Amino acid sequence: MRFRIHTSLNGLEPLQRLINAAYRGNDGPGRWTTEQHLVAGDRIHRDALVSLIQHPQTELIVGVEGMAGVEEGNVVSCIAIKQLEDAVEFGTFAVAPALQGLGYGAQLLDFAEAHARRYRLPFQVCVVTQNTQLIRFYERRGYVRTGALLPYPTDQNVGQPKCHDISLTPLVKPLCW
């Protein structure tokens, strides 16, 4: 898998499909990150993807397989890096459902963390609290729960909760040299 920063507004449809399938899909033999049982609707829409790519404090890293051209290859993973005032936040972390459980997510997060070290800030993620497998993934990688619970962001057009007690759990990883 090769990684690149996605800055173009071309080729958004495969990215949008990847993110929605990873967050809300049901298929894939190693499937374990879906929130389909917790949240209804798409995780991302085209306009939100455009805003993410154009945000001055955000970089969208995509993992591609296939031919070695700059824009060529199959998009199989992505993660957004957003520089905040006191942390670097990772979000929109998606791996093609058929490839989950094969180490692609770990490779992508390794690359994103190495790329984000230049900011010299701790790393942060926010995970749906009920997605305990994903929380454990981050904990195995050195992230710790902050103890806070945040409301699910229904105002951000990222889907509608299917349960009334859904929340987000922030996890942080101190910057280590």
Protein backbone atom coordinates (compact mmCIF):
# COMPACT_ATOMS: atom_id res chain seq x y z
CA MET A 1 0.00 0.00 0.00
CA ARG A 2 1.24 3.46 -0.91
CA PHE A 3 0.13 6.64 0.85
CA ARG A 4 -0.46 10.11 -0.51
CA ILE A 5 -2.06 13.37 0.60
CA HIS A 6 -5.31 13.82 -1.31
CA THR A 7 -5.70 17.47 -2.32
CA SER A 8 -7.73 17.16 -5.50
CA LEU A 9 -11.49 17.51 -5.76
CA ASN A 10 -11.36 14.90 -8.51
CA GLY A 11 -12.01 11.28 -7.66
CA LEU A 12 -14.16 11.95 -4.60
CA GLU A 13 -16.76 9.27 -5.38
CA PRO A 14 -14.47 6.30 -4.54
CA LEU A 15 -13.40 8.02 -1.32
CA GLN A 16 -16.99 8.74 -0.35
CA ARG A 17 -18.01 5.12 -1.06
CA LEU A 18 -15.02 3.82 0.94
CA ILE A 19 -15.83 5.94 4.00
CA ASN A 20 -19.54 5.11 3.95
CA ALA A 21 -18.89 1.39 3.46
CA ALA A 22 -16.34 1.29 6.28
CA TYR A 23 -18.53 3.15 8.76
CA ARG A 24 -21.99 1.91 7.79
CA GLY A 25 -21.56 -1.18 5.61
CA ASN A 26 -22.19 -4.80 6.52
CA ASP A 27 -20.01 -6.76 4.10
CA GLY A 28 -16.40 -7.87 4.26
CA PRO A 29 -14.99 -11.06 5.78
CA GLY A 30 -12.86 -9.34 8.43
CA ARG A 31 -15.52 -6.72 9.16
CA TRP A 32 -15.24 -5.17 12.61
CA THR A 33 -15.47 -1.37 12.52
CA THR A 34 -19.01 -0.83 11.25
CA GLU A 35 -21.36 1.46 13.14
CA GLN A 36 -24.32 0.33 11.03
CA HIS A 37 -26.07 -1.15 14.07
CA LEU A 38 -25.63 2.13 15.97
CA VAL A 39 -26.10 4.89 13.37
CA ALA A 40 -28.34 5.15 10.29
CA GLY A 41 -27.47 7.03 7.11
CA ASP A 42 -24.25 7.99 5.39
CA ARG A 43 -21.14 8.87 7.37
CA ILE A 44 -20.02 11.46 4.83
CA HIS A 45 -21.53 13.41 1.95
CA ARG A 46 -19.70 14.98 -0.98
CA ASP A 47 -19.87 18.53 0.39
CA ALA A 48 -18.40 17.41 3.73
CA LEU A 49 -15.59 15.61 1.90
CA VAL A 50 -14.86 18.76 -0.13
CA SER A 51 -14.78 20.84 3.09
CA LEU A 52 -12.44 18.33 4.71
CA ILE A 53 -10.01 18.42 1.77
CA GLN A 54 -10.10 22.21 1.54
CA HIS A 55 -9.74 22.87 5.29
CA PRO A 56 -6.41 24.65 5.86
CA GLN A 57 -5.63 22.71 9.07
CA THR A 58 -6.53 19.28 7.67
CA GLU A 59 -4.76 16.75 5.47
CA LEU A 60 -6.48 13.68 4.05
CA ILE A 61 -4.13 10.74 3.61
CA VAL A 62 -5.27 7.96 1.31
CA GLY A 63 -3.85 4.49 0.96
CA VAL A 64 -3.81 3.12 -2.57
CA GLU A 65 -2.99 -0.20 -4.12
CA GLY A 66 -2.27 -0.85 -7.76
CA MET A 67 -0.39 1.15 -10.36
CA ALA A 68 2.27 3.59 -9.17
CA GLY A 69 0.97 6.79 -10.80
CA VAL A 70 0.28 9.82 -8.61
CA GLU A 71 -3.52 9.62 -8.93
CA GLU A 72 -3.74 5.98 -10.01
CA GLY A 73 -4.50 2.88 -8.04
CA ASN A 74 -7.43 1.70 -5.97
CA VAL A 75 -8.21 3.77 -2.88
CA VAL A 76 -8.38 1.24 -0.04
CA SER A 77 -8.01 3.42 3.06
CA CYS A 78 -7.99 6.98 4.33
CA ILE A 79 -7.48 9.06 7.45
CA ALA A 80 -7.77 12.79 8.10
CA ILE A 81 -5.22 14.66 10.21
CA LYS A 82 -6.48 17.89 11.73
CA GLN A 83 -4.19 20.24 13.62
CA LEU A 84 -5.98 21.62 16.65
CA GLU A 85 -4.62 24.10 19.18
CA ASP A 86 -3.51 21.45 21.69
CA ALA A 87 -3.61 18.15 19.76
CA VAL A 88 -3.56 16.51 16.37
CA GLU A 89 -6.88 14.79 15.76
CA PHE A 90 -7.27 11.75 13.53
CA GLY A 91 -10.68 11.16 12.00
CA THR A 92 -12.48 9.82 8.95
CA PHE A 93 -10.35 6.69 9.41
CA ALA A 94 -11.58 4.09 6.94
CA VAL A 95 -10.33 0.80 5.52
CA ALA A 96 -12.16 -1.06 2.75
CA PRO A 97 -14.38 -3.66 4.46
CA ALA A 98 -12.89 -6.54 2.44
CA LEU A 99 -9.42 -5.61 3.77
CA GLN A 100 -10.24 -5.09 7.44
CA GLY A 101 -8.40 -7.31 9.86
CA LEU A 102 -5.37 -7.62 7.55
CA GLY A 103 -3.19 -4.86 9.03
CA TYR A 104 -4.10 -2.06 6.63
CA GLY A 105 -5.49 0.12 9.42
CA ALA A 106 -2.38 -0.31 11.55
CA GLN A 107 -0.16 0.59 8.57
CA LEU A 108 -2.23 3.68 7.83
CA LEU A 109 -2.26 4.85 11.44
CA ASP A 110 1.52 4.30 11.67
CA PHE A 111 2.00 6.46 8.59
CA ALA A 112 -0.42 9.15 9.87
CA GLU A 113 1.26 9.30 13.27
CA ALA A 114 4.73 9.57 11.70
CA HIS A 115 3.44 12.30 9.38
CA ALA A 116 1.78 14.21 12.27
CA ARG A 117 4.79 14.13 14.62
CA ARG A 118 6.05 17.33 13.00
CA TYR A 119 3.31 19.23 14.86
CA ARG A 120 4.83 18.19 18.22
CA LEU A 121 1.37 17.75 19.75
CA PRO A 122 -0.37 14.77 21.37
CA PHE A 123 -2.62 12.65 19.16
CA GLN A 124 -6.37 12.43 19.69
CA VAL A 125 -9.26 10.37 18.35
CA CYS A 126 -12.96 10.31 19.18
CA VAL A 127 -14.70 6.94 18.85
CA VAL A 128 -18.35 5.99 19.22
CA THR A 129 -18.39 4.73 22.81
CA GLN A 130 -20.39 1.63 21.91
CA ASN A 131 -17.73 0.61 19.33
CA THR A 132 -15.65 -1.20 21.95
CA GLN A 133 -13.56 -3.15 19.43
CA LEU A 134 -12.35 0.07 17.85
CA ILE A 135 -11.59 1.58 21.25
CA ARG A 136 -9.51 -1.51 22.07
CA PHE A 137 -7.65 -1.10 18.73
CA TYR A 138 -6.56 2.39 19.78
CA GLU A 139 -5.73 1.29 23.32
CA ARG A 140 -3.41 -1.43 21.95
CA ARG A 141 -1.66 1.34 20.05
CA GLY A 142 -1.01 3.47 23.15
CA TYR A 143 -4.11 5.67 23.23
CA VAL A 144 -5.83 6.18 26.59
CA ARG A 145 -9.37 7.26 27.40
CA THR A 146 -9.65 10.77 28.77
CA GLY A 147 -12.65 9.90 30.93
CA ALA A 148 -14.83 12.37 29.04
CA LEU A 149 -17.92 11.49 27.02
CA LEU A 150 -19.05 13.76 24.21
CA PRO A 151 -22.50 13.93 22.62
CA TYR A 152 -22.86 12.31 19.21
CA PRO A 153 -22.61 15.15 16.63
CA THR A 154 -26.07 14.92 15.05
CA ASP A 155 -25.70 18.51 13.82
CA GLN A 156 -22.77 17.54 11.55
CA ASN A 157 -24.78 15.38 9.12
CA VAL A 158 -22.85 12.20 9.95
CA GLY A 159 -25.90 9.98 10.42
CA GLN A 160 -28.70 9.58 12.92
CA PRO A 161 -28.21 7.51 16.08
CA LYS A 162 -30.30 4.36 16.41
CA CYS A 163 -29.94 4.34 20.21
CA HIS A 164 -30.60 7.17 22.63
CA ASP A 165 -27.42 6.83 24.73
CA ILE A 166 -24.84 7.00 21.92
CA SER A 167 -21.79 9.13 22.67
CA LEU A 168 -18.17 9.64 21.68
CA THR A 169 -15.17 8.62 23.77
CA PRO A 170 -12.06 10.75 23.29
CA LEU A 171 -8.72 8.95 23.49
CA VAL A 172 -5.30 10.59 23.51
CA LYS A 173 -1.76 9.43 22.91
CA PRO A 174 1.05 11.54 24.36
CA LEU A 175 3.72 12.59 21.93
CA CYS A 176 6.69 10.26 22.29
CA TRP A 177 10.07 10.79 20.70
